Amino acid sequence: MVAICHSRPDGDAIGSLLGWHALCGHYGISSLPISPDTVPDFLTFLPGSASIVVPRSEDLQGPDGPLQGADLVVLLDFSRRNRCGEELSQAINRLTCPIWCIDHHPEPETFDALFHRTSASSTCELLAGLIQGDCPADAAQCLMTGLLTDTGRFQYALSPNTFEIAAALLKSDLDYRALTDRLFEQESLEALRLRGFILKDKLVQHPELPLAWIEINFEESQALGLKPGATEGWVNFGLSIQGNRAAFLFHEKEAGVTRISFRSKQGIEVNGFAEKYFNGGGHKYAAGGRFDSHCQDTVQFFMERVGEIFTFSL
């Protein structure tokens, strides 16, 4: 069996991937966890992270690639095949084995089996709900990671079931305090200083609308040496400003391609806007997208239209 998470994986993607892998091992099922991109540094402590395969282009094209011989492929935390990248998506489409999907994002594609619920806080919540009996500690640690990161430490996207699932995970040998310490309270001095620079010099408040944004162009990204996961949570800086209802992060990771993170609250929905203009989508209050242009041009295009978010949400 092969399990795959989406590109640019976050806590829920890696948490569900490794949680599934741990559960398979617990029940004696062989599984291979695959991520299109490297695991963010802040998640490498999770059990099983060293077993994750990041396939190269030649691996996906050759006869001995990681997908060859798979009897089942499970997609975790994404329900549109292109969310795992063009090459990996094409490799999946060439397979003849069943394709399953477990996800909580809206508008899923068709699969041989689909376990999908948009009301769930996270894919990790869905996975944890499938467990019968005690949850192994390593799986619980991974699944709790997805719950914590996708809910902002239990602040949003919540339902009573979310807390019931969390309570069930706490009944394992999970060291919850150690987990939250690793996820949220351990940063290098360099990372803290970088955060100070972003807050001081890169966070911009809109002069009229209740929103703020951070803009990082390609040259800055290279000079700062931003690794995968380094910008995790930065989009929330602008949302924490008193009175703001939306915030955005523009990051030109590669020259001429700008990734955008959208966050909002108080009834302001951003997923439709992300889909309309930026080949993206996601949840009502947390979405992502991309624009094939330099960061400065992307921000200009974005700001000329951002008022639509507030008009549509009235």
C-alpha atoms as a PDB file:
ATOM      1  CA  MET A   1       0.000   0.000   0.000  1.00  0.00           C
ATOM      2  CA  VAL A   2       1.147   3.535  -0.785  1.00  0.00           C
ATOM      3  CA  ALA A   3      -0.064   6.645   1.064  1.00  0.00           C
ATOM      4  CA  ILE A   4       0.440  10.140  -0.394  1.00  0.00           C
ATOM      5  CA  CYS A   5      -0.040  13.640   1.011  1.00  0.00           C
ATOM      6  CA  HIS A   6      -0.267  16.940  -0.871  1.00  0.00           C
ATOM      7  CA  SER A   7       2.487  19.285  -2.060  1.00  0.00           C
ATOM      8  CA  ARG A   8       4.008  21.760   0.407  1.00  0.00           C
ATOM      9  CA  PRO A   9       2.751  19.616   3.291  1.00  0.00           C
ATOM     10  CA  ASP A  10       1.545  21.149   6.542  1.00  0.00           C
ATOM     11  CA  GLY A  11       0.884  19.632   9.948  1.00  0.00           C
ATOM     12  CA  ASP A  12      -2.323  17.897   8.915  1.00  0.00           C
ATOM     13  CA  ALA A  13      -0.785  16.470   5.738  1.00  0.00           C
ATOM     14  CA  ILE A  14       2.291  15.037   7.472  1.00  0.00           C
ATOM     15  CA  GLY A  15       0.305  14.138  10.580  1.00  0.00           C
ATOM     16  CA  SER A  16      -2.252  12.130   8.613  1.00  0.00           C
ATOM     17  CA  LEU A  17       0.434  10.558   6.402  1.00  0.00           C
ATOM     18  CA  LEU A  18       2.499   9.381   9.365  1.00  0.00           C
ATOM     19  CA  GLY A  19      -0.559   8.582  11.460  1.00  0.00           C
ATOM     20  CA  TRP A  20      -1.821   6.283   8.689  1.00  0.00           C
ATOM     21  CA  HIS A  21       1.650   4.757   8.347  1.00  0.00           C
ATOM     22  CA  ALA A  22       1.834   4.085  12.101  1.00  0.00           C
ATOM     23  CA  LEU A  23      -1.632   2.537  12.159  1.00  0.00           C
ATOM     24  CA  CYS A  24      -0.768   0.297   9.220  1.00  0.00           C
ATOM     25  CA  GLY A  25       2.343  -0.876  11.051  1.00  0.00           C
ATOM     26  CA  HIS A  26       0.332  -1.481  14.219  1.00  0.00           C
ATOM     27  CA  TYR A  27      -2.044  -3.761  12.316  1.00  0.00           C
ATOM     28  CA  GLY A  28       0.704  -5.520  10.380  1.00  0.00           C
ATOM     29  CA  ILE A  29       0.020  -3.831   7.050  1.00  0.00           C
ATOM     30  CA  SER A  30       2.931  -2.789   4.848  1.00  0.00           C
ATOM     31  CA  SER A  31       2.758   0.859   3.744  1.00  0.00           C
ATOM     32  CA  LEU A  32       4.992   3.382   2.026  1.00  0.00           C
ATOM     33  CA  PRO A  33       4.440   7.081   2.907  1.00  0.00           C
ATOM     34  CA  ILE A  34       5.148   9.497   0.042  1.00  0.00           C
ATOM     35  CA  SER A  35       5.311  13.286   0.082  1.00  0.00           C
ATOM     36  CA  PRO A  36       5.790  15.388  -3.066  1.00  0.00           C
ATOM     37  CA  ASP A  37       8.014  17.767  -1.066  1.00  0.00           C
ATOM     38  CA  THR A  38      10.387  17.484   1.859  1.00  0.00           C
ATOM     39  CA  VAL A  39       9.008  17.427   5.384  1.00  0.00           C
ATOM     40  CA  PRO A  40       9.078  20.883   7.022  1.00  0.00           C
ATOM     41  CA  ASP A  41      11.770  21.137   9.677  1.00  0.00           C
ATOM     42  CA  PHE A  42       9.313  21.692  12.509  1.00  0.00           C
ATOM     43  CA  LEU A  43       7.682  18.305  11.797  1.00  0.00           C
ATOM     44  CA  THR A  44      10.750  16.108  11.381  1.00  0.00           C
ATOM     45  CA  PHE A  45      10.557  15.021  15.031  1.00  0.00           C
ATOM     46  CA  LEU A  46       7.353  13.049  14.387  1.00  0.00           C
ATOM     47  CA  PRO A  47       7.771   9.270  14.560  1.00  0.00           C
ATOM     48  CA  GLY A  48       8.249   7.740  11.125  1.00  0.00           C
ATOM     49  CA  SER A  49       9.270  10.955   9.367  1.00  0.00           C
ATOM     50  CA  ALA A  50      12.541   9.369   8.207  1.00  0.00           C
ATOM     51  CA  SER A  51      10.537   6.742   6.306  1.00  0.00           C
ATOM     52  CA  ILE A  52       8.819   9.298   4.064  1.00  0.00           C
ATOM     53  CA  VAL A  53       9.878   9.040   0.418  1.00  0.00           C
ATOM     54  CA  VAL A  54      10.154  12.220  -1.663  1.00  0.00           C
ATOM     55  CA  PRO A  55      10.244  10.856  -5.243  1.00  0.00           C
ATOM     56  CA  ARG A  56      12.430  12.389  -7.914  1.00  0.00           C
ATOM     57  CA  SER A  57      11.192  12.945 -11.458  1.00  0.00           C
ATOM     58  CA  GLU A  58      13.194  10.008 -12.778  1.00  0.00           C
ATOM     59  CA  ASP A  59      11.746   7.785 -10.041  1.00  0.00           C
ATOM     60  CA  LEU A  60       8.210   8.506 -11.205  1.00  0.00           C
ATOM     61  CA  GLN A  61       9.066   7.853 -14.854  1.00  0.00           C
ATOM     62  CA  GLY A  62      11.106   4.688 -14.401  1.00  0.00           C
ATOM     63  CA  PRO A  63       9.983   1.067 -14.019  1.00  0.00           C
ATOM     64  CA  ASP A  64      11.230   0.814 -10.427  1.00  0.00           C
ATOM     65  CA  GLY A  65       9.503   3.894  -8.994  1.00  0.00           C
ATOM     66  CA  PRO A  66       7.830   3.941  -5.576  1.00  0.00           C
ATOM     67  CA  LEU A  67       4.349   3.547  -7.074  1.00  0.00           C
ATOM     68  CA  GLN A  68       5.196   0.483  -9.125  1.00  0.00           C
ATOM     69  CA  GLY A  69       3.514  -2.646  -7.821  1.00  0.00           C
ATOM     70  CA  ALA A  70       1.197  -0.787  -5.490  1.00  0.00           C
ATOM     71  CA  ASP A  71      -1.995  -2.709  -4.761  1.00  0.00           C
ATOM     72  CA  LEU A  72      -3.690   0.333  -3.204  1.00  0.00           C
ATOM     73  CA  VAL A  73      -2.998   4.072  -3.102  1.00  0.00           C
ATOM     74  CA  VAL A  74      -4.489   6.263  -0.380  1.00  0.00           C
ATOM     75  CA  LEU A  75      -4.557  10.040  -0.827  1.00  0.00           C
ATOM     76  CA  LEU A  76      -4.514  11.925   2.467  1.00  0.00           C
ATOM     77  CA  ASP A  77      -5.528  15.557   3.079  1.00  0.00           C
ATOM     78  CA  PHE A  78      -6.254  16.355  -0.565  1.00  0.00           C
ATOM     79  CA  SER A  79      -9.063  15.299  -2.871  1.00  0.00           C
ATOM     80  CA  ARG A  80      -7.978  16.815  -6.182  1.00  0.00           C
ATOM     81  CA  ARG A  81      -5.184  14.841  -7.760  1.00  0.00           C
ATOM     82  CA  ASN A  82      -3.268  17.884  -9.012  1.00  0.00           C
ATOM     83  CA  ARG A  83      -2.659  18.953  -5.400  1.00  0.00           C
ATOM     84  CA  CYS A  84       0.253  16.514  -5.253  1.00  0.00           C
ATOM     85  CA  GLY A  85       2.056  18.063  -8.208  1.00  0.00           C
ATOM     86  CA  GLU A  86       1.892  17.422 -11.932  1.00  0.00           C
ATOM     87  CA  GLU A  87       4.368  14.546 -12.166  1.00  0.00           C
ATOM     88  CA  LEU A  88       3.085  12.604  -9.168  1.00  0.00           C
ATOM     89  CA  SER A  89      -0.504  13.211 -10.245  1.00  0.00           C
ATOM     90  CA  GLN A  90       0.250  11.817 -13.706  1.00  0.00           C
ATOM     91  CA  ALA A  91       1.925   8.790 -12.143  1.00  0.00           C
ATOM     92  CA  ILE A  92      -1.189   8.167 -10.027  1.00  0.00           C
ATOM     93  CA  ASN A  93      -3.418   8.407 -13.092  1.00  0.00           C
ATOM     94  CA  ARG A  94      -1.376   5.715 -14.821  1.00  0.00           C
ATOM     95  CA  LEU A  95      -2.044   3.202 -12.049  1.00  0.00           C
ATOM     96  CA  THR A  96      -4.616   0.429 -12.348  1.00  0.00           C
ATOM     97  CA  CYS A  97      -4.950  -0.291  -8.613  1.00  0.00           C
ATOM     98  CA  PRO A  98      -7.760   1.210  -6.490  1.00  0.00           C
ATOM     99  CA  ILE A  99      -7.364   4.843  -5.378  1.00  0.00           C
ATOM    100  CA  TRP A 100      -8.823   5.803  -2.004  1.00  0.00           C
ATOM    101  CA  CYS A 101      -9.103   9.310  -0.592  1.00  0.00           C
ATOM    102  CA  ILE A 102      -9.498  10.572   2.983  1.00  0.00           C
ATOM    103  CA  ASP A 103      -9.937  14.328   3.173  1.00  0.00           C
ATOM    104  CA  HIS A 104     -11.933  17.260   4.542  1.00  0.00           C
ATOM    105  CA  HIS A 105     -11.505  19.864   1.791  1.00  0.00           C
ATOM    106  CA  PRO A 106     -14.529  20.849  -0.328  1.00  0.00           C
ATOM    107  CA  GLU A 107     -15.435  19.619  -3.817  1.00  0.00           C
ATOM    108  CA  PRO A 108     -13.601  16.285  -4.016  1.00  0.00           C
ATOM    109  CA  GLU A 109     -12.983  14.377  -7.227  1.00  0.00           C
ATOM    110  CA  THR A 110     -14.241  10.827  -7.788  1.00  0.00           C
ATOM    111  CA  PHE A 111     -12.299   7.901  -6.296  1.00  0.00           C
ATOM    112  CA  ASP A 112     -12.759   4.178  -5.830  1.00  0.00           C
ATOM    113  CA  ALA A 113     -13.441   4.937  -2.164  1.00  0.00           C
ATOM    114  CA  LEU A 114     -13.932   8.337  -0.575  1.00  0.00           C
ATOM    115  CA  PHE A 115     -14.116   9.158   3.120  1.00  0.00           C
ATOM    116  CA  HIS A 116     -14.856  12.860   3.070  1.00  0.00           C
ATOM    117  CA  ARG A 117     -16.389  15.302   5.519  1.00  0.00           C
ATOM    118  CA  THR A 118     -15.958  19.079   5.245  1.00  0.00           C
ATOM    119  CA  SER A 119     -17.282  19.522   8.773  1.00  0.00           C
ATOM    120  CA  ALA A 120     -14.170  17.794  10.148  1.00  0.00           C
ATOM    121  CA  SER A 121     -11.459  20.070  11.467  1.00  0.00           C
ATOM    122  CA  SER A 122      -8.738  18.050   9.774  1.00  0.00           C
ATOM    123  CA  THR A 123      -7.947  14.845   7.965  1.00  0.00           C
ATOM    124  CA  CYS A 124      -6.324  13.669  11.190  1.00  0.00           C
ATOM    125  CA  GLU A 125      -9.703  14.017  12.908  1.00  0.00           C
ATOM    126  CA  LEU A 126     -11.258  11.759  10.259  1.00  0.00           C
ATOM    127  CA  LEU A 127      -8.504   9.174  10.602  1.00  0.00           C
ATOM    128  CA  ALA A 128      -8.642   9.162  14.390  1.00  0.00           C
ATOM    129  CA  GLY A 129     -12.381   8.595  14.218  1.00  0.00           C
ATOM    130  CA  LEU A 130     -11.794   5.335  12.355  1.00  0.00           C
ATOM    131  CA  ILE A 131      -9.729   3.793  15.127  1.00  0.00           C
ATOM    132  CA  GLN A 132     -11.386   1.008  17.046  1.00  0.00           C
ATOM    133  CA  GLY A 133      -9.893   0.466  20.480  1.00  0.00           C
ATOM    134  CA  ASP A 134      -6.690   2.002  21.810  1.00  0.00           C
ATOM    135  CA  CYS A 135      -4.583   4.191  19.554  1.00  0.00           C
ATOM    136  CA  PRO A 136      -0.835   3.480  19.467  1.00  0.00           C
ATOM    137  CA  ALA A 137       1.185   6.330  20.972  1.00  0.00           C
ATOM    138  CA  ASP A 138       3.154   7.075  17.794  1.00  0.00           C
ATOM    139  CA  ALA A 139      -0.037   7.283  15.724  1.00  0.00           C
ATOM    140  CA  ALA A 140      -1.711   9.439  18.397  1.00  0.00           C
ATOM    141  CA  GLN A 141       1.198  11.874  18.348  1.00  0.00           C
ATOM    142  CA  CYS A 142       0.941  12.297  14.580  1.00  0.00           C
ATOM    143  CA  LEU A 143      -2.844  12.598  14.534  1.00  0.00           C
ATOM    144  CA  MET A 144      -2.903  15.109  17.388  1.00  0.00           C
ATOM    145  CA  THR A 145      -0.400  17.177  15.413  1.00  0.00           C
ATOM    146  CA  GLY A 146      -2.932  17.523  12.590  1.00  0.00           C
ATOM    147  CA  LEU A 147      -5.692  18.492  15.005  1.00  0.00           C
ATOM    148  CA  LEU A 148      -3.531  21.115  16.701  1.00  0.00           C
ATOM    149  CA  THR A 149      -2.146  22.715  13.552  1.00  0.00           C
ATOM    150  CA  ASP A 150      -5.313  22.741  11.439  1.00  0.00           C
ATOM    151  CA  THR A 151      -7.394  24.235  14.265  1.00  0.00           C
ATOM    152  CA  GLY A 152      -4.772  26.742  15.398  1.00  0.00           C
ATOM    153  CA  ARG A 153      -4.537  24.986  18.765  1.00  0.00           C
ATOM    154  CA  PHE A 154      -8.296  24.464  18.967  1.00  0.00           C
ATOM    155  CA  GLN A 155      -9.349  27.986  18.003  1.00  0.00           C
ATOM    156  CA  TYR A 156     -11.283  27.441  14.751  1.00  0.00           C
ATOM    157  CA  ALA A 157     -12.865  24.826  12.444  1.00  0.00           C
ATOM    158  CA  LEU A 158     -14.196  23.085  15.519  1.00  0.00           C
ATOM    159  CA  SER A 159     -17.113  20.835  16.360  1.00  0.00           C
ATOM    160  CA  PRO A 160     -17.922  18.778  19.452  1.00  0.00           C
ATOM    161  CA  ASN A 161     -16.505  15.782  17.610  1.00  0.00           C
ATOM    162  CA  THR A 162     -13.110  17.496  17.389  1.00  0.00           C
ATOM    163  CA  PHE A 163     -12.823  17.584  21.162  1.00  0.00           C
ATOM    164  CA  GLU A 164     -14.137  14.046  21.499  1.00  0.00           C
ATOM    165  CA  ILE A 165     -11.454  12.835  19.098  1.00  0.00           C
ATOM    166  CA  ALA A 166      -8.792  14.812  20.972  1.00  0.00           C
ATOM    167  CA  ALA A 167      -9.951  13.303  24.257  1.00  0.00           C
ATOM    168  CA  ALA A 168      -9.725   9.806  22.777  1.00  0.00           C
ATOM    169  CA  LEU A 169      -6.165  10.455  21.583  1.00  0.00           C
ATOM    170  CA  LEU A 170      -5.181  11.709  25.024  1.00  0.00           C
ATOM    171  CA  LYS A 171      -6.127   8.322  26.446  1.00  0.00           C
ATOM    172  CA  SER A 172      -3.139   6.807  24.665  1.00  0.00           C
ATOM    173  CA  ASP A 173       0.415   7.191  25.953  1.00  0.00           C
ATOM    174  CA  LEU A 174       0.657  10.512  24.132  1.00  0.00           C
ATOM    175  CA  ASP A 175       2.782  13.123  25.943  1.00  0.00           C
ATOM    176  CA  TYR A 176       0.621  16.109  25.042  1.00  0.00           C
ATOM    177  CA  ARG A 177       2.735  18.728  26.791  1.00  0.00           C
ATOM    178  CA  ALA A 178       5.904  17.531  25.073  1.00  0.00           C
ATOM    179  CA  LEU A 179       4.102  17.586  21.712  1.00  0.00           C
ATOM    180  CA  THR A 180       2.840  21.170  22.047  1.00  0.00           C
ATOM    181  CA  ASP A 181       6.281  22.223  23.238  1.00  0.00           C
ATOM    182  CA  ARG A 182       7.917  20.795  20.105  1.00  0.00           C
ATOM    183  CA  LEU A 183       5.286  22.236  17.766  1.00  0.00           C
ATOM    184  CA  PHE A 184       4.830  25.728  19.158  1.00  0.00           C
ATOM    185  CA  GLU A 185       7.439  26.620  21.760  1.00  0.00           C
ATOM    186  CA  GLN A 186      10.795  25.665  20.297  1.00  0.00           C
ATOM    187  CA  GLU A 187      12.404  27.996  17.790  1.00  0.00           C
ATOM    188  CA  SER A 188      16.006  28.782  17.067  1.00  0.00           C
ATOM    189  CA  LEU A 189      17.369  32.218  17.864  1.00  0.00           C
ATOM    190  CA  GLU A 190      17.711  32.816  14.115  1.00  0.00           C
ATOM    191  CA  ALA A 191      14.041  31.937  13.553  1.00  0.00           C
ATOM    192  CA  LEU A 192      12.934  34.328  16.287  1.00  0.00           C
ATOM    193  CA  ARG A 193      15.032  37.128  14.840  1.00  0.00           C
ATOM    194  CA  LEU A 194      13.599  36.392  11.404  1.00  0.00           C
ATOM    195  CA  ARG A 195      10.097  36.656  12.836  1.00  0.00           C
ATOM    196  CA  GLY A 196      11.029  40.031  14.328  1.00  0.00           C
ATOM    197  CA  PHE A 197      12.232  41.239  10.935  1.00  0.00           C
ATOM    198  CA  ILE A 198       9.005  40.079   9.256  1.00  0.00           C
ATOM    199  CA  LEU A 199       6.843  41.828  11.856  1.00  0.00           C
ATOM    200  CA  LYS A 200       8.865  45.041  11.736  1.00  0.00           C
ATOM    201  CA  ASP A 201       9.650  45.418   8.048  1.00  0.00           C
ATOM    202  CA  LYS A 202       7.333  43.190   5.998  1.00  0.00           C
ATOM    203  CA  LEU A 203       3.896  43.308   7.634  1.00  0.00           C
ATOM    204  CA  VAL A 204       1.729  45.906   5.872  1.00  0.00           C
ATOM    205  CA  GLN A 205      -1.670  47.177   6.997  1.00  0.00           C
ATOM    206  CA  HIS A 206      -4.154  48.210   4.294  1.00  0.00           C
ATOM    207  CA  PRO A 207      -4.946  51.937   4.651  1.00  0.00           C
ATOM    208  CA  GLU A 208      -8.710  51.443   4.311  1.00  0.00           C
ATOM    209  CA  LEU A 209      -9.742  47.780   4.504  1.00  0.00           C
ATOM    210  CA  PRO A 210      -9.456  45.602   7.638  1.00  0.00           C
ATOM    211  CA  LEU A 211      -6.650  43.441   6.294  1.00  0.00           C
ATOM    212  CA  ALA A 212      -2.876  43.114   6.299  1.00  0.00           C
ATOM    213  CA  TRP A 213      -0.343  41.225   4.226  1.00  0.00           C
ATOM    214  CA  ILE A 214       3.263  40.074   4.073  1.00  0.00           C
ATOM    215  CA  GLU A 215       5.173  40.155   0.785  1.00  0.00           C
ATOM    216  CA  ILE A 216       8.385  38.167   0.246  1.00  0.00           C
ATOM    217  CA  ASN A 217       9.864  38.294  -3.250  1.00  0.00           C
ATOM    218  CA  PHE A 218      12.230  35.736  -4.743  1.00  0.00           C
ATOM    219  CA  GLU A 219      15.403  37.660  -3.978  1.00  0.00           C
ATOM    220  CA  GLU A 220      14.387  38.100  -0.342  1.00  0.00           C
ATOM    221  CA  SER A 221      13.396  34.446  -0.048  1.00  0.00           C
ATOM    222  CA  GLN A 222      16.811  33.407  -1.320  1.00  0.00           C
ATOM    223  CA  ALA A 223      18.688  35.869   0.870  1.00  0.00           C
ATOM    224  CA  LEU A 224      16.770  34.763   3.975  1.00  0.00           C
ATOM    225  CA  GLY A 225      17.340  31.108   3.147  1.00  0.00           C
ATOM    226  CA  LEU A 226      13.724  30.175   3.792  1.00  0.00           C
ATOM    227  CA  LYS A 227      13.338  26.412   4.105  1.00  0.00           C
ATOM    228  CA  PRO A 228      10.089  24.431   3.713  1.00  0.00           C
ATOM    229  CA  GLY A 229       7.811  25.270   6.614  1.00  0.00           C
ATOM    230  CA  ALA A 230       9.756  28.396   7.608  1.00  0.00           C
ATOM    231  CA  THR A 231       6.793  30.688   6.906  1.00  0.00           C
ATOM    232  CA  GLU A 232       4.290  28.471   8.757  1.00  0.00           C
ATOM    233  CA  GLY A 233       1.890  30.675  10.723  1.00  0.00           C
ATOM    234  CA  TRP A 234       3.181  33.991   9.359  1.00  0.00           C
ATOM    235  CA  VAL A 235      -0.090  34.707   7.574  1.00  0.00           C
ATOM    236  CA  ASN A 236      -1.778  34.868  10.978  1.00  0.00           C
ATOM    237  CA  PHE A 237       0.317  37.856  12.062  1.00  0.00           C
ATOM    238  CA  GLY A 238      -1.876  40.212  10.083  1.00  0.00           C
ATOM    239  CA  LEU A 239      -5.065  38.542  11.273  1.00  0.00           C
ATOM    240  CA  SER A 240      -4.104  39.160  14.897  1.00  0.00           C
ATOM    241  CA  ILE A 241      -4.084  42.941  14.408  1.00  0.00           C
ATOM    242  CA  GLN A 242      -7.049  44.398  16.251  1.00  0.00           C
ATOM    243  CA  GLY A 243      -9.984  44.997  13.910  1.00  0.00           C
ATOM    244  CA  ASN A 244      -8.613  43.018  10.964  1.00  0.00           C
ATOM    245  CA  ARG A 245     -10.783  40.407   9.302  1.00  0.00           C
ATOM    246  CA  ALA A 246      -8.386  39.043   6.672  1.00  0.00           C
ATOM    247  CA  ALA A 247      -4.665  38.510   6.133  1.00  0.00           C
ATOM    248  CA  PHE A 248      -2.498  37.245   3.291  1.00  0.00           C
ATOM    249  CA  LEU A 249       1.026  35.981   2.725  1.00  0.00           C
ATOM    250  CA  PHE A 250       2.668  36.362  -0.688  1.00  0.00           C
ATOM    251  CA  HIS A 251       5.802  34.256  -1.101  1.00  0.00           C
ATOM    252  CA  GLU A 252       7.705  34.049  -4.373  1.00  0.00           C
ATOM    253  CA  LYS A 253       9.505  30.778  -3.628  1.00  0.00           C
ATOM    254  CA  GLU A 254      10.652  30.365  -7.222  1.00  0.00           C
ATOM    255  CA  ALA A 255      11.255  33.181  -9.666  1.00  0.00           C
ATOM    256  CA  GLY A 256       8.028  34.219 -11.361  1.00  0.00           C
ATOM    257  CA  VAL A 257       5.712  32.028  -9.261  1.00  0.00           C
ATOM    258  CA  THR A 258       4.059  33.499  -6.178  1.00  0.00           C
ATOM    259  CA  ARG A 259       2.284  31.341  -3.603  1.00  0.00           C
ATOM    260  CA  ILE A 260      -0.497  32.968  -1.598  1.00  0.00           C
ATOM    261  CA  SER A 261      -1.934  32.010   1.782  1.00  0.00           C
ATOM    262  CA  PHE A 262      -5.376  33.376   2.704  1.00  0.00           C
ATOM    263  CA  ARG A 263      -6.778  33.659   6.240  1.00  0.00           C
ATOM    264  CA  SER A 264      -9.944  35.367   7.454  1.00  0.00           C
ATOM    265  CA  LYS A 265     -12.559  35.478  10.207  1.00  0.00           C
ATOM    266  CA  GLN A 266     -15.872  37.029  11.224  1.00  0.00           C
ATOM    267  CA  GLY A 267     -17.785  35.854   8.162  1.00  0.00           C
ATOM    268  CA  ILE A 268     -15.234  36.885   5.527  1.00  0.00           C
ATOM    269  CA  GLU A 269     -14.826  33.928   3.142  1.00  0.00           C
ATOM    270  CA  VAL A 270     -11.644  33.625   1.080  1.00  0.00           C
ATOM    271  CA  ASN A 271     -11.829  30.250  -0.673  1.00  0.00           C
ATOM    272  CA  GLY A 272     -14.007  31.463  -3.560  1.00  0.00           C
ATOM    273  CA  PHE A 273     -11.680  34.402  -4.187  1.00  0.00           C
ATOM    274  CA  ALA A 274      -8.663  32.085  -4.183  1.00  0.00           C
ATOM    275  CA  GLU A 275     -10.339  29.818  -6.706  1.00  0.00           C
ATOM    276  CA  LYS A 276     -11.590  32.629  -8.952  1.00  0.00           C
ATOM    277  CA  TYR A 277      -8.289  34.412  -9.454  1.00  0.00           C
ATOM    278  CA  PHE A 278      -5.443  32.272  -8.125  1.00  0.00           C
ATOM    279  CA  ASN A 279      -6.009  28.669  -9.194  1.00  0.00           C
ATOM    280  CA  GLY A 280      -6.582  27.761  -5.574  1.00  0.00           C
ATOM    281  CA  GLY A 281      -9.206  27.069  -2.995  1.00  0.00           C
ATOM    282  CA  GLY A 282      -9.625  25.536   0.429  1.00  0.00           C
ATOM    283  CA  HIS A 283     -11.790  26.282   3.417  1.00  0.00           C
ATOM    284  CA  LYS A 284     -13.962  29.347   3.912  1.00  0.00           C
ATOM    285  CA  TYR A 285     -11.485  30.968   6.274  1.00  0.00           C
ATOM    286  CA  ALA A 286      -8.204  29.319   5.226  1.00  0.00           C
ATOM    287  CA  ALA A 287      -7.185  28.849   1.614  1.00  0.00           C
ATOM    288  CA  GLY A 288      -4.226  28.899  -0.729  1.00  0.00           C
ATOM    289  CA  GLY A 289      -3.406  29.736  -4.330  1.00  0.00           C
ATOM    290  CA  ARG A 290      -0.717  30.692  -6.793  1.00  0.00           C
ATOM    291  CA  PHE A 291      -0.105  33.342  -9.420  1.00  0.00           C
ATOM    292  CA  ASP A 292       2.416  32.903 -12.216  1.00  0.00           C
ATOM    293  CA  SER A 293       4.096  36.256 -11.863  1.00  0.00           C
ATOM    294  CA  HIS A 294       6.576  38.070  -9.672  1.00  0.00           C
ATOM    295  CA  CYS A 295       5.533  38.989  -6.170  1.00  0.00           C
ATOM    296  CA  GLN A 296       5.138  42.721  -6.774  1.00  0.00           C
ATOM    297  CA  ASP A 297       2.860  42.166  -9.777  1.00  0.00           C
ATOM    298  CA  THR A 298       0.882  39.543  -7.858  1.00  0.00           C
ATOM    299  CA  VAL A 299       0.264  41.908  -4.957  1.00  0.00           C
ATOM    300  CA  GLN A 300      -0.847  44.661  -7.324  1.00  0.00           C
ATOM    301  CA  PHE A 301      -3.256  42.316  -9.138  1.00  0.00           C
ATOM    302  CA  PHE A 302      -4.518  41.030  -5.797  1.00  0.00           C
ATOM    303  CA  MET A 303      -5.098  44.420  -4.194  1.00  0.00           C
ATOM    304  CA  GLU A 304      -7.035  45.682  -7.205  1.00  0.00           C
ATOM    305  CA  ARG A 305      -9.597  42.949  -6.523  1.00  0.00           C
ATOM    306  CA  VAL A 306      -9.428  42.208  -2.799  1.00  0.00           C
ATOM    307  CA  GLY A 307     -12.450  44.387  -2.069  1.00  0.00           C
ATOM    308  CA  GLU A 308     -14.562  41.642  -3.648  1.00  0.00           C
ATOM    309  CA  ILE A 309     -13.944  39.473  -0.592  1.00  0.00           C
ATOM    310  CA  PHE A 310     -15.838  41.898   1.593  1.00  0.00           C
ATOM    311  CA  THR A 311     -18.570  42.487  -0.999  1.00  0.00           C
ATOM    312  CA  PHE A 312     -19.225  38.763  -1.456  1.00  0.00           C
ATOM    313  CA  SER A 313     -19.289  38.175   2.280  1.00  0.00           C
ATOM    314  CA  LEU A 314     -21.902  40.786   3.109  1.00  0.00           C
END
